Amino acid sequence: MADENKIYEAIETARATGKIKKGVNETTKAIERGIAKLVVIAKDVSPKEITMHIPLLSKEKGITCLEVESKEELGAAAGLSVATSAIAIVKEGDAANLIKELTKE
């Protein structure tokens, strides 16, 4: 299991120096287009159906999909004042090494 702090750090770094997509719809589009480098979904999403397709789609496209406990923390890491169920990092920026580490784990 990847370290959640590392995941949040990668998201924050990518947000500041690269590009991220926020929310289930934008994340899904990024995966379908094959531009996502790393996908992160929150475990505490209700109903689960909202994000159920994301891990499957990610696997199909060969993109690492990680889970974190809290959609609130995921939203905060993505620079949002609200919770978010999913994010996709599309341009790593300075988070490239962190993302490499996370995709290896």
PDB file of N, CA and C in Angstrom:
ATOM      1  N   MET A   1       0.833  -1.207   0.000  1.00  0.00           N
ATOM      2  CA  MET A   1       0.000   0.000   0.000  1.00  0.00           C
ATOM      3  C   MET A   1       0.867   1.256   0.000  1.00  0.00           C
ATOM      4  N   ALA A   2       0.617   2.119  -0.926  1.00  0.00           N
ATOM      5  CA  ALA A   2       1.377   3.360  -1.033  1.00  0.00           C
ATOM      6  C   ALA A   2       1.080   4.267   0.161  1.00  0.00           C
ATOM      7  N   ASP A   3       2.063   5.045   0.554  1.00  0.00           N
ATOM      8  CA  ASP A   3       1.933   5.967   1.666  1.00  0.00           C
ATOM      9  C   ASP A   3       1.035   7.138   1.267  1.00  0.00           C
ATOM     10  N   GLU A   4      -0.049   7.344   2.024  1.00  0.00           N
ATOM     11  CA  GLU A   4      -1.005   8.404   1.683  1.00  0.00           C
ATOM     12  C   GLU A   4      -0.372   9.790   1.647  1.00  0.00           C
ATOM     13  N   ASN A   5       0.564  10.043   2.578  1.00  0.00           N
ATOM     14  CA  ASN A   5       1.218  11.359   2.587  1.00  0.00           C
ATOM     15  C   ASN A   5       1.966  11.603   1.290  1.00  0.00           C
ATOM     16  N   LYS A   6       2.595  10.546   0.778  1.00  0.00           N
ATOM     17  CA  LYS A   6       3.311  10.639  -0.497  1.00  0.00           C
ATOM     18  C   LYS A   6       2.340  10.922  -1.644  1.00  0.00           C
ATOM     19  N   ILE A   7       1.178  10.284  -1.596  1.00  0.00           N
ATOM     20  CA  ILE A   7       0.156  10.495  -2.632  1.00  0.00           C
ATOM     21  C   ILE A   7      -0.294  11.956  -2.613  1.00  0.00           C
ATOM     22  N   TYR A   8      -0.626  12.461  -1.404  1.00  0.00           N
ATOM     23  CA  TYR A   8      -1.068  13.857  -1.292  1.00  0.00           C
ATOM     24  C   TYR A   8       0.036  14.816  -1.725  1.00  0.00           C
ATOM     25  N   GLU A   9       1.263  14.494  -1.350  1.00  0.00           N
ATOM     26  CA  GLU A   9       2.404  15.343  -1.728  1.00  0.00           C
ATOM     27  C   GLU A   9       2.546  15.388  -3.251  1.00  0.00           C
ATOM     28  N   ALA A  10       2.399  14.235  -3.894  1.00  0.00           N
ATOM     29  CA  ALA A  10       2.487  14.170  -5.357  1.00  0.00           C
ATOM     30  C   ALA A  10       1.386  15.024  -5.994  1.00  0.00           C
ATOM     31  N   ILE A  11       0.179  14.947  -5.440  1.00  0.00           N
ATOM     32  CA  ILE A  11      -0.947  15.732  -5.975  1.00  0.00           C
ATOM     33  C   ILE A  11      -0.680  17.225  -5.812  1.00  0.00           C
ATOM     34  N   GLU A  12      -0.227  17.606  -4.606  1.00  0.00           N
ATOM     35  CA  GLU A  12       0.034  19.033  -4.349  1.00  0.00           C
ATOM     36  C   GLU A  12       1.146  19.557  -5.247  1.00  0.00           C
ATOM     37  N   THR A  13       2.203  18.765  -5.413  1.00  0.00           N
ATOM     38  CA  THR A  13       3.327  19.183  -6.255  1.00  0.00           C
ATOM     39  C   THR A  13       2.900  19.283  -7.716  1.00  0.00           C
ATOM     40  N   ALA A  14       2.148  18.283  -8.171  1.00  0.00           N
ATOM     41  CA  ALA A  14       1.668  18.299  -9.560  1.00  0.00           C
ATOM     42  C   ALA A  14       0.716  19.469  -9.786  1.00  0.00           C
ATOM     43  N   ARG A  15      -0.076  19.780  -8.773  1.00  0.00           N
ATOM     44  CA  ARG A  15      -0.998  20.911  -8.894  1.00  0.00           C
ATOM     45  C   ARG A  15      -0.233  22.224  -9.057  1.00  0.00           C
ATOM     46  N   ALA A  16       0.853  22.360  -8.282  1.00  0.00           N
ATOM     47  CA  ALA A  16       1.626  23.606  -8.293  1.00  0.00           C
ATOM     48  C   ALA A  16       2.502  23.739  -9.541  1.00  0.00           C
ATOM     49  N   THR A  17       3.043  22.615 -10.024  1.00  0.00           N
ATOM     50  CA  THR A  17       4.054  22.699 -11.092  1.00  0.00           C
ATOM     51  C   THR A  17       3.652  21.990 -12.375  1.00  0.00           C
ATOM     52  N   GLY A  18       2.549  21.255 -12.331  1.00  0.00           N
ATOM     53  CA  GLY A  18       2.109  20.513 -13.513  1.00  0.00           C
ATOM     54  C   GLY A  18       0.648  20.788 -13.762  1.00  0.00           C
ATOM     55  N   LYS A  19      -0.128  19.709 -13.913  1.00  0.00           N
ATOM     56  CA  LYS A  19      -1.561  19.883 -14.176  1.00  0.00           C
ATOM     57  C   LYS A  19      -2.316  18.671 -13.652  1.00  0.00           C
ATOM     58  N   ILE A  20      -3.441  18.942 -12.989  1.00  0.00           N
ATOM     59  CA  ILE A  20      -4.290  17.845 -12.518  1.00  0.00           C
ATOM     60  C   ILE A  20      -5.725  18.072 -12.980  1.00  0.00           C
ATOM     61  N   LYS A  21      -6.462  16.962 -13.080  1.00  0.00           N
ATOM     62  CA  LYS A  21      -7.898  17.017 -13.393  1.00  0.00           C
ATOM     63  C   LYS A  21      -8.619  16.614 -12.118  1.00  0.00           C
ATOM     64  N   LYS A  22      -9.666  17.357 -11.786  1.00  0.00           N
ATOM     65  CA  LYS A  22     -10.377  17.111 -10.534  1.00  0.00           C
ATOM     66  C   LYS A  22     -11.804  16.647 -10.811  1.00  0.00           C
ATOM     67  N   GLY A  23     -12.269  15.724  -9.980  1.00  0.00           N
ATOM     68  CA  GLY A  23     -13.637  15.240 -10.105  1.00  0.00           C
ATOM     69  C   GLY A  23     -13.721  13.988 -10.955  1.00  0.00           C
ATOM     70  N   VAL A  24     -14.782  13.233 -10.754  1.00  0.00           N
ATOM     71  CA  VAL A  24     -14.964  11.947 -11.427  1.00  0.00           C
ATOM     72  C   VAL A  24     -15.017  12.098 -12.951  1.00  0.00           C
ATOM     73  N   ASN A  25     -15.796  13.081 -13.444  1.00  0.00           N
ATOM     74  CA  ASN A  25     -15.943  13.239 -14.895  1.00  0.00           C
ATOM     75  C   ASN A  25     -14.636  13.602 -15.584  1.00  0.00           C
ATOM     76  N   GLU A  26     -13.929  14.607 -15.050  1.00  0.00           N
ATOM     77  CA  GLU A  26     -12.660  15.017 -15.645  1.00  0.00           C
ATOM     78  C   GLU A  26     -11.614  13.906 -15.548  1.00  0.00           C
ATOM     79  N   THR A  27     -11.620  13.206 -14.413  1.00  0.00           N
ATOM     80  CA  THR A  27     -10.682  12.095 -14.222  1.00  0.00           C
ATOM     81  C   THR A  27     -10.961  10.988 -15.237  1.00  0.00           C
ATOM     82  N   THR A  28     -12.241  10.640 -15.395  1.00  0.00           N
ATOM     83  CA  THR A  28     -12.633   9.599 -16.351  1.00  0.00           C
ATOM     84  C   THR A  28     -12.186   9.980 -17.765  1.00  0.00           C
ATOM     85  N   LYS A  29     -12.412  11.234 -18.144  1.00  0.00           N
ATOM     86  CA  LYS A  29     -12.006  11.702 -19.478  1.00  0.00           C
ATOM     87  C   LYS A  29     -10.501  11.610 -19.659  1.00  0.00           C
ATOM     88  N   ALA A  30      -9.753  11.988 -18.630  1.00  0.00           N
ATOM     89  CA  ALA A  30      -8.284  11.943 -18.701  1.00  0.00           C
ATOM     90  C   ALA A  30      -7.788  10.505 -18.885  1.00  0.00           C
ATOM     91  N   ILE A  31      -8.455   9.560 -18.221  1.00  0.00           N
ATOM     92  CA  ILE A  31      -8.084   8.141 -18.355  1.00  0.00           C
ATOM     93  C   ILE A  31      -8.425   7.663 -19.772  1.00  0.00           C
ATOM     94  N   GLU A  32      -9.645   7.974 -20.221  1.00  0.00           N
ATOM     95  CA  GLU A  32     -10.078   7.534 -21.554  1.00  0.00           C
ATOM     96  C   GLU A  32      -9.172   8.075 -22.653  1.00  0.00           C
ATOM     97  N   ARG A  33      -8.707   9.307 -22.474  1.00  0.00           N
ATOM     98  CA  ARG A  33      -7.826   9.926 -23.470  1.00  0.00           C
ATOM     99  C   ARG A  33      -6.379   9.446 -23.337  1.00  0.00           C
ATOM    100  N   GLY A  34      -6.110   8.710 -22.250  1.00  0.00           N
ATOM    101  CA  GLY A  34      -4.765   8.178 -22.041  1.00  0.00           C
ATOM    102  C   GLY A  34      -3.755   9.229 -21.623  1.00  0.00           C
ATOM    103  N   ILE A  35      -4.228  10.359 -21.068  1.00  0.00           N
ATOM    104  CA  ILE A  35      -3.298  11.415 -20.660  1.00  0.00           C
ATOM    105  C   ILE A  35      -3.012  11.406 -19.164  1.00  0.00           C
ATOM    106  N   ALA A  36      -3.729  10.581 -18.399  1.00  0.00           N
ATOM    107  CA  ALA A  36      -3.508  10.521 -16.950  1.00  0.00           C
ATOM    108  C   ALA A  36      -2.228   9.754 -16.654  1.00  0.00           C
ATOM    109  N   LYS A  37      -1.396  10.302 -15.776  1.00  0.00           N
ATOM    110  CA  LYS A  37      -0.158   9.629 -15.359  1.00  0.00           C
ATOM    111  C   LYS A  37      -0.387   8.838 -14.077  1.00  0.00           C
ATOM    112  N   LEU A  38      -1.298   9.360 -13.253  1.00  0.00           N
ATOM    113  CA  LEU A  38      -1.634   8.727 -11.982  1.00  0.00           C
ATOM    114  C   LEU A  38      -3.055   9.122 -11.623  1.00  0.00           C
ATOM    115  N   VAL A  39      -3.831   8.153 -11.145  1.00  0.00           N
ATOM    116  CA  VAL A  39      -5.212   8.417 -10.766  1.00  0.00           C
ATOM    117  C   VAL A  39      -5.370   8.099  -9.280  1.00  0.00           C
ATOM    118  N   VAL A  40      -6.065   8.958  -8.564  1.00  0.00           N
ATOM    119  CA  VAL A  40      -6.301   8.735  -7.137  1.00  0.00           C
ATOM    120  C   VAL A  40      -7.792   8.885  -6.869  1.00  0.00           C
ATOM    121  N   ILE A  41      -8.360   7.880  -6.179  1.00  0.00           N
ATOM    122  CA  ILE A  41      -9.770   7.959  -5.801  1.00  0.00           C
ATOM    123  C   ILE A  41      -9.892   7.844  -4.277  1.00  0.00           C
ATOM    124  N   ALA A  42     -10.980   8.400  -3.744  1.00  0.00           N
ATOM    125  CA  ALA A  42     -11.232   8.349  -2.302  1.00  0.00           C
ATOM    126  C   ALA A  42     -12.073   7.122  -1.968  1.00  0.00           C
ATOM    127  N   LYS A  43     -11.753   6.480  -0.834  1.00  0.00           N
ATOM    128  CA  LYS A  43     -12.492   5.283  -0.396  1.00  0.00           C
ATOM    129  C   LYS A  43     -13.835   5.626   0.219  1.00  0.00           C
ATOM    130  N   ASP A  44     -13.954   6.837   0.776  1.00  0.00           N
ATOM    131  CA  ASP A  44     -15.175   7.169   1.529  1.00  0.00           C
ATOM    132  C   ASP A  44     -16.265   7.791   0.655  1.00  0.00           C
ATOM    133  N   VAL A  45     -16.267   7.441  -0.617  1.00  0.00           N
ATOM    134  CA  VAL A  45     -17.286   7.952  -1.535  1.00  0.00           C
ATOM    135  C   VAL A  45     -18.564   7.128  -1.371  1.00  0.00           C
ATOM    136  N   SER A  46     -19.684   7.827  -1.359  1.00  0.00           N
ATOM    137  CA  SER A  46     -20.959   7.142  -1.219  1.00  0.00           C
ATOM    138  C   SER A  46     -21.955   7.764  -2.188  1.00  0.00           C
ATOM    139  N   PRO A  47     -22.644   7.000  -3.011  1.00  0.00           N
ATOM    140  CA  PRO A  47     -22.509   5.545  -3.189  1.00  0.00           C
ATOM    141  C   PRO A  47     -21.225   5.176  -3.944  1.00  0.00           C
ATOM    142  N   LYS A  48     -20.749   3.974  -3.697  1.00  0.00           N
ATOM    143  CA  LYS A  48     -19.512   3.470  -4.300  1.00  0.00           C
ATOM    144  C   LYS A  48     -19.548   3.494  -5.833  1.00  0.00           C
ATOM    145  N   GLU A  49     -20.751   3.392  -6.408  1.00  0.00           N
ATOM    146  CA  GLU A  49     -20.903   3.348  -7.875  1.00  0.00           C
ATOM    147  C   GLU A  49     -20.279   4.561  -8.567  1.00  0.00           C
ATOM    148  N   ILE A  50     -20.186   5.668  -7.856  1.00  0.00           N
ATOM    149  CA  ILE A  50     -19.653   6.902  -8.444  1.00  0.00           C
ATOM    150  C   ILE A  50     -18.239   6.683  -9.001  1.00  0.00           C
ATOM    151  N   THR A  51     -17.414   5.949  -8.237  1.00  0.00           N
ATOM    152  CA  THR A  51     -16.011   5.775  -8.660  1.00  0.00           C
ATOM    153  C   THR A  51     -15.666   4.338  -9.062  1.00  0.00           C
ATOM    154  N   MET A  52     -16.649   3.435  -9.035  1.00  0.00           N
ATOM    155  CA  MET A  52     -16.361   2.019  -9.298  1.00  0.00           C
ATOM    156  C   MET A  52     -15.710   1.753 -10.646  1.00  0.00           C
ATOM    157  N   HIS A  53     -16.045   2.546 -11.663  1.00  0.00           N
ATOM    158  CA  HIS A  53     -15.517   2.310 -13.011  1.00  0.00           C
ATOM    159  C   HIS A  53     -14.060   2.750 -13.160  1.00  0.00           C
ATOM    160  N   ILE A  54     -13.607   3.643 -12.281  1.00  0.00           N
ATOM    161  CA  ILE A  54     -12.280   4.248 -12.454  1.00  0.00           C
ATOM    162  C   ILE A  54     -11.119   3.239 -12.357  1.00  0.00           C
ATOM    163  N   PRO A  55     -11.060   2.387 -11.302  1.00  0.00           N
ATOM    164  CA  PRO A  55      -9.950   1.419 -11.249  1.00  0.00           C
ATOM    165  C   PRO A  55      -9.924   0.481 -12.466  1.00  0.00           C
ATOM    166  N   LEU A  56     -11.099   0.059 -12.919  1.00  0.00           N
ATOM    167  CA  LEU A  56     -11.181  -0.846 -14.072  1.00  0.00           C
ATOM    168  C   LEU A  56     -10.676  -0.165 -15.340  1.00  0.00           C
ATOM    169  N   LEU A  57     -11.136   1.065 -15.541  1.00  0.00           N
ATOM    170  CA  LEU A  57     -10.733   1.838 -16.708  1.00  0.00           C
ATOM    171  C   LEU A  57      -9.228   2.115 -16.682  1.00  0.00           C
ATOM    172  N   SER A  58      -8.720   2.454 -15.487  1.00  0.00           N
ATOM    173  CA  SER A  58      -7.287   2.713 -15.329  1.00  0.00           C
ATOM    174  C   SER A  58      -6.468   1.481 -15.690  1.00  0.00           C
ATOM    175  N   LYS A  59      -6.926   0.331 -15.192  1.00  0.00           N
ATOM    176  CA  LYS A  59      -6.213  -0.929 -15.457  1.00  0.00           C
ATOM    177  C   LYS A  59      -6.183  -1.222 -16.951  1.00  0.00           C
ATOM    178  N   GLU A  60      -7.329  -1.018 -17.610  1.00  0.00           N
ATOM    179  CA  GLU A  60      -7.435  -1.214 -19.058  1.00  0.00           C
ATOM    180  C   GLU A  60      -6.411  -0.382 -19.820  1.00  0.00           C
ATOM    181  N   LYS A  61      -6.208   0.863 -19.339  1.00  0.00           N
ATOM    182  CA  LYS A  61      -5.316   1.807 -20.013  1.00  0.00           C
ATOM    183  C   LYS A  61      -3.884   1.737 -19.481  1.00  0.00           C
ATOM    184  N   GLY A  62      -3.655   0.868 -18.476  1.00  0.00           N
ATOM    185  CA  GLY A  62      -2.311   0.721 -17.917  1.00  0.00           C
ATOM    186  C   GLY A  62      -1.884   1.910 -17.068  1.00  0.00           C
ATOM    187  N   ILE A  63      -2.840   2.554 -16.411  1.00  0.00           N
ATOM    188  CA  ILE A  63      -2.553   3.713 -15.568  1.00  0.00           C
ATOM    189  C   ILE A  63      -2.708   3.299 -14.108  1.00  0.00           C
ATOM    190  N   THR A  64      -1.740   3.675 -13.270  1.00  0.00           N
ATOM    191  CA  THR A  64      -1.816   3.343 -11.852  1.00  0.00           C
ATOM    192  C   THR A  64      -2.960   4.096 -11.192  1.00  0.00           C
ATOM    193  N   CYS A  65      -3.780   3.355 -10.441  1.00  0.00           N
ATOM    194  CA  CYS A  65      -4.892   3.954  -9.710  1.00  0.00           C
ATOM    195  C   CYS A  65      -4.700   3.648  -8.222  1.00  0.00           C
ATOM    196  N   LEU A  66      -4.600   4.682  -7.418  1.00  0.00           N
ATOM    197  CA  LEU A  66      -4.392   4.515  -5.983  1.00  0.00           C
ATOM    198  C   LEU A  66      -5.620   5.002  -5.217  1.00  0.00           C
ATOM    199  N   GLU A  67      -5.759   4.491  -3.988  1.00  0.00           N
ATOM    200  CA  GLU A  67      -6.886   4.900  -3.146  1.00  0.00           C
ATOM    201  C   GLU A  67      -6.374   5.628  -1.915  1.00  0.00           C
ATOM    202  N   VAL A  68      -7.105   6.644  -1.495  1.00  0.00           N
ATOM    203  CA  VAL A  68      -6.843   7.323  -0.230  1.00  0.00           C
ATOM    204  C   VAL A  68      -8.109   7.224   0.613  1.00  0.00           C
ATOM    205  N   GLU A  69      -7.970   7.420   1.923  1.00  0.00           N
ATOM    206  CA  GLU A  69      -9.107   7.251   2.836  1.00  0.00           C
ATOM    207  C   GLU A  69     -10.175   8.329   2.676  1.00  0.00           C
ATOM    208  N   SER A  70      -9.746   9.588   2.490  1.00  0.00           N
ATOM    209  CA  SER A  70     -10.677  10.699   2.649  1.00  0.00           C
ATOM    210  C   SER A  70     -10.825  11.586   1.419  1.00  0.00           C
ATOM    211  N   LYS A  71     -12.073  11.790   1.004  1.00  0.00           N
ATOM    212  CA  LYS A  71     -12.333  12.682  -0.136  1.00  0.00           C
ATOM    213  C   LYS A  71     -12.098  14.143   0.254  1.00  0.00           C
ATOM    214  N   GLU A  72     -12.240  14.453   1.568  1.00  0.00           N
ATOM    215  CA  GLU A  72     -11.958  15.820   2.037  1.00  0.00           C
ATOM    216  C   GLU A  72     -10.480  16.134   1.853  1.00  0.00           C
ATOM    217  N   GLU A  73      -9.624  15.197   2.306  1.00  0.00           N
ATOM    218  CA  GLU A  73      -8.179  15.409   2.178  1.00  0.00           C
ATOM    219  C   GLU A  73      -7.753  15.424   0.721  1.00  0.00           C
ATOM    220  N   LEU A  74      -8.393  14.591  -0.098  1.00  0.00           N
ATOM    221  CA  LEU A  74      -8.088  14.557  -1.524  1.00  0.00           C
ATOM    222  C   LEU A  74      -8.426  15.911  -2.159  1.00  0.00           C
ATOM    223  N   GLY A  75      -9.576  16.450  -1.787  1.00  0.00           N
ATOM    224  CA  GLY A  75      -9.975  17.771  -2.277  1.00  0.00           C
ATOM    225  C   GLY A  75      -8.999  18.850  -1.857  1.00  0.00           C
ATOM    226  N   ALA A  76      -8.570  18.785  -0.598  1.00  0.00           N
ATOM    227  CA  ALA A  76      -7.612  19.774  -0.075  1.00  0.00           C
ATOM    228  C   ALA A  76      -6.289  19.689  -0.820  1.00  0.00           C
ATOM    229  N   ALA A  77      -5.809  18.468  -1.053  1.00  0.00           N
ATOM    230  CA  ALA A  77      -4.543  18.281  -1.779  1.00  0.00           C
ATOM    231  C   ALA A  77      -4.662  18.809  -3.205  1.00  0.00           C
ATOM    232  N   ALA A  78      -5.866  18.728  -3.758  1.00  0.00           N
ATOM    233  CA  ALA A  78      -6.097  19.206  -5.125  1.00  0.00           C
ATOM    234  C   ALA A  78      -6.343  20.713  -5.173  1.00  0.00           C
ATOM    235  N   GLY A  79      -6.288  21.355  -3.992  1.00  0.00           N
ATOM    236  CA  GLY A  79      -6.459  22.797  -3.928  1.00  0.00           C
ATOM    237  C   GLY A  79      -7.907  23.243  -3.967  1.00  0.00           C
ATOM    238  N   LEU A  80      -8.808  22.346  -3.591  1.00  0.00           N
ATOM    239  CA  LEU A  80     -10.232  22.675  -3.600  1.00  0.00           C
ATOM    240  C   LEU A  80     -10.713  22.970  -2.184  1.00  0.00           C
ATOM    241  N   SER A  81     -11.752  23.779  -2.073  1.00  0.00           N
ATOM    242  CA  SER A  81     -12.329  24.041  -0.762  1.00  0.00           C
ATOM    243  C   SER A  81     -13.425  23.023  -0.455  1.00  0.00           C
ATOM    244  N   VAL A  82     -13.664  22.107  -1.400  1.00  0.00           N
ATOM    245  CA  VAL A  82     -14.662  21.052  -1.213  1.00  0.00           C
ATOM    246  C   VAL A  82     -14.004  19.685  -1.401  1.00  0.00           C
ATOM    247  N   ALA A  83     -14.703  18.646  -0.978  1.00  0.00           N
ATOM    248  CA  ALA A  83     -14.195  17.284  -1.144  1.00  0.00           C
ATOM    249  C   ALA A  83     -14.272  16.894  -2.618  1.00  0.00           C
ATOM    250  N   THR A  84     -13.391  15.978  -3.034  1.00  0.00           N
ATOM    251  CA  THR A  84     -13.490  15.431  -4.386  1.00  0.00           C
ATOM    252  C   THR A  84     -13.288  13.926  -4.338  1.00  0.00           C
ATOM    253  N   SER A  85     -14.003  13.208  -5.197  1.00  0.00           N
ATOM    254  CA  SER A  85     -13.963  11.745  -5.180  1.00  0.00           C
ATOM    255  C   SER A  85     -12.768  11.193  -5.937  1.00  0.00           C
ATOM    256  N   ALA A  86     -12.293  11.961  -6.935  1.00  0.00           N
ATOM    257  CA  ALA A  86     -11.224  11.459  -7.784  1.00  0.00           C
ATOM    258  C   ALA A  86     -10.412  12.596  -8.385  1.00  0.00           C
ATOM    259  N   ILE A  87      -9.117  12.322  -8.606  1.00  0.00           N
ATOM    260  CA  ILE A  87      -8.274  13.259  -9.337  1.00  0.00           C
ATOM    261  C   ILE A  87      -7.357  12.456 -10.258  1.00  0.00           C
ATOM    262  N   ALA A  88      -6.917  13.103 -11.308  1.00  0.00           N
ATOM    263  CA  ALA A  88      -5.935  12.499 -12.208  1.00  0.00           C
ATOM    264  C   ALA A  88      -4.813  13.500 -12.401  1.00  0.00           C
ATOM    265  N   ILE A  89      -3.574  13.034 -12.286  1.00  0.00           N
ATOM    266  CA  ILE A  89      -2.434  13.893 -12.584  1.00  0.00           C
ATOM    267  C   ILE A  89      -2.154  13.717 -14.069  1.00  0.00           C
ATOM    268  N   VAL A  90      -2.231  14.803 -14.841  1.00  0.00           N
ATOM    269  CA  VAL A  90      -2.001  14.702 -16.281  1.00  0.00           C
ATOM    270  C   VAL A  90      -0.627  15.235 -16.689  1.00  0.00           C
ATOM    271  N   LYS A  91      -0.112  16.224 -15.955  1.00  0.00           N
ATOM    272  CA  LYS A  91       1.271  16.687 -16.171  1.00  0.00           C
ATOM    273  C   LYS A  91       1.960  16.648 -14.819  1.00  0.00           C
ATOM    274  N   GLU A  92       3.033  15.858 -14.721  1.00  0.00           N
ATOM    275  CA  GLU A  92       3.655  15.623 -13.417  1.00  0.00           C
ATOM    276  C   GLU A  92       4.313  16.855 -12.820  1.00  0.00           C
ATOM    277  N   GLY A  93       4.900  17.727 -13.658  1.00  0.00           N
ATOM    278  CA  GLY A  93       5.666  18.841 -13.124  1.00  0.00           C
ATOM    279  C   GLY A  93       6.799  18.317 -12.272  1.00  0.00           C
ATOM    280  N   ASP A  94       7.021  18.896 -11.108  1.00  0.00           N
ATOM    281  CA  ASP A  94       8.106  18.467 -10.215  1.00  0.00           C
ATOM    282  C   ASP A  94       7.777  17.189  -9.450  1.00  0.00           C
ATOM    283  N   ALA A  95       6.588  16.647  -9.654  1.00  0.00           N
ATOM    284  CA  ALA A  95       6.182  15.441  -8.918  1.00  0.00           C
ATOM    285  C   ALA A  95       6.575  14.154  -9.652  1.00  0.00           C
ATOM    286  N   ALA A  96       7.299  14.273 -10.767  1.00  0.00           N
ATOM    287  CA  ALA A  96       7.637  13.104 -11.591  1.00  0.00           C
ATOM    288  C   ALA A  96       8.288  11.973 -10.790  1.00  0.00           C
ATOM    289  N   ASN A  97       9.267  12.290  -9.946  1.00  0.00           N
ATOM    290  CA  ASN A  97       9.956  11.253  -9.162  1.00  0.00           C
ATOM    291  C   ASN A  97       9.035  10.614  -8.135  1.00  0.00           C
ATOM    292  N   LEU A  98       8.231  11.430  -7.485  1.00  0.00           N
ATOM    293  CA  LEU A  98       7.254  10.917  -6.523  1.00  0.00           C
ATOM    294  C   LEU A  98       6.285   9.960  -7.202  1.00  0.00           C
ATOM    295  N   ILE A  99       5.821  10.345  -8.370  1.00  0.00           N
ATOM    296  CA  ILE A  99       4.868   9.509  -9.112  1.00  0.00           C
ATOM    297  C   ILE A  99       5.527   8.192  -9.517  1.00  0.00           C
ATOM    298  N   LYS A 100       6.782   8.259  -9.929  1.00  0.00           N
ATOM    299  CA  LYS A 100       7.526   7.031 -10.261  1.00  0.00           C
ATOM    300  C   LYS A 100       7.553   6.090  -9.061  1.00  0.00           C
ATOM    301  N   GLU A 101       7.881   6.642  -7.902  1.00  0.00           N
ATOM    302  CA  GLU A 101       7.921   5.843  -6.654  1.00  0.00           C
ATOM    303  C   GLU A 101       6.555   5.224  -6.383  1.00  0.00           C
ATOM    304  N   LEU A 102       5.495   6.010  -6.492  1.00  0.00           N
ATOM    305  CA  LEU A 102       4.152   5.532  -6.192  1.00  0.00           C
ATOM    306  C   LEU A 102       3.692   4.464  -7.174  1.00  0.00           C
ATOM    307  N   THR A 103       4.056   4.596  -8.452  1.00  0.00           N
ATOM    308  CA  THR A 103       3.609   3.610  -9.446  1.00  0.00           C
ATOM    309  C   THR A 103       4.396   2.320  -9.329  1.00  0.00           C
ATOM    310  N   LYS A 104       5.560   2.372  -8.684  1.00  0.00           N
ATOM    311  CA  LYS A 104       6.345   1.144  -8.458  1.00  0.00           C
ATOM    312  C   LYS A 104       5.769   0.312  -7.322  1.00  0.00           C
ATOM    313  N   GLU A 105       5.256   0.988  -6.288  1.00  0.00           N
ATOM    314  CA  GLU A 105       4.792   0.310  -5.060  1.00  0.00           C
ATOM    315  C   GLU A 105       3.651  -0.656  -5.302  1.00  0.00           C
TER     316      GLU A 105
END
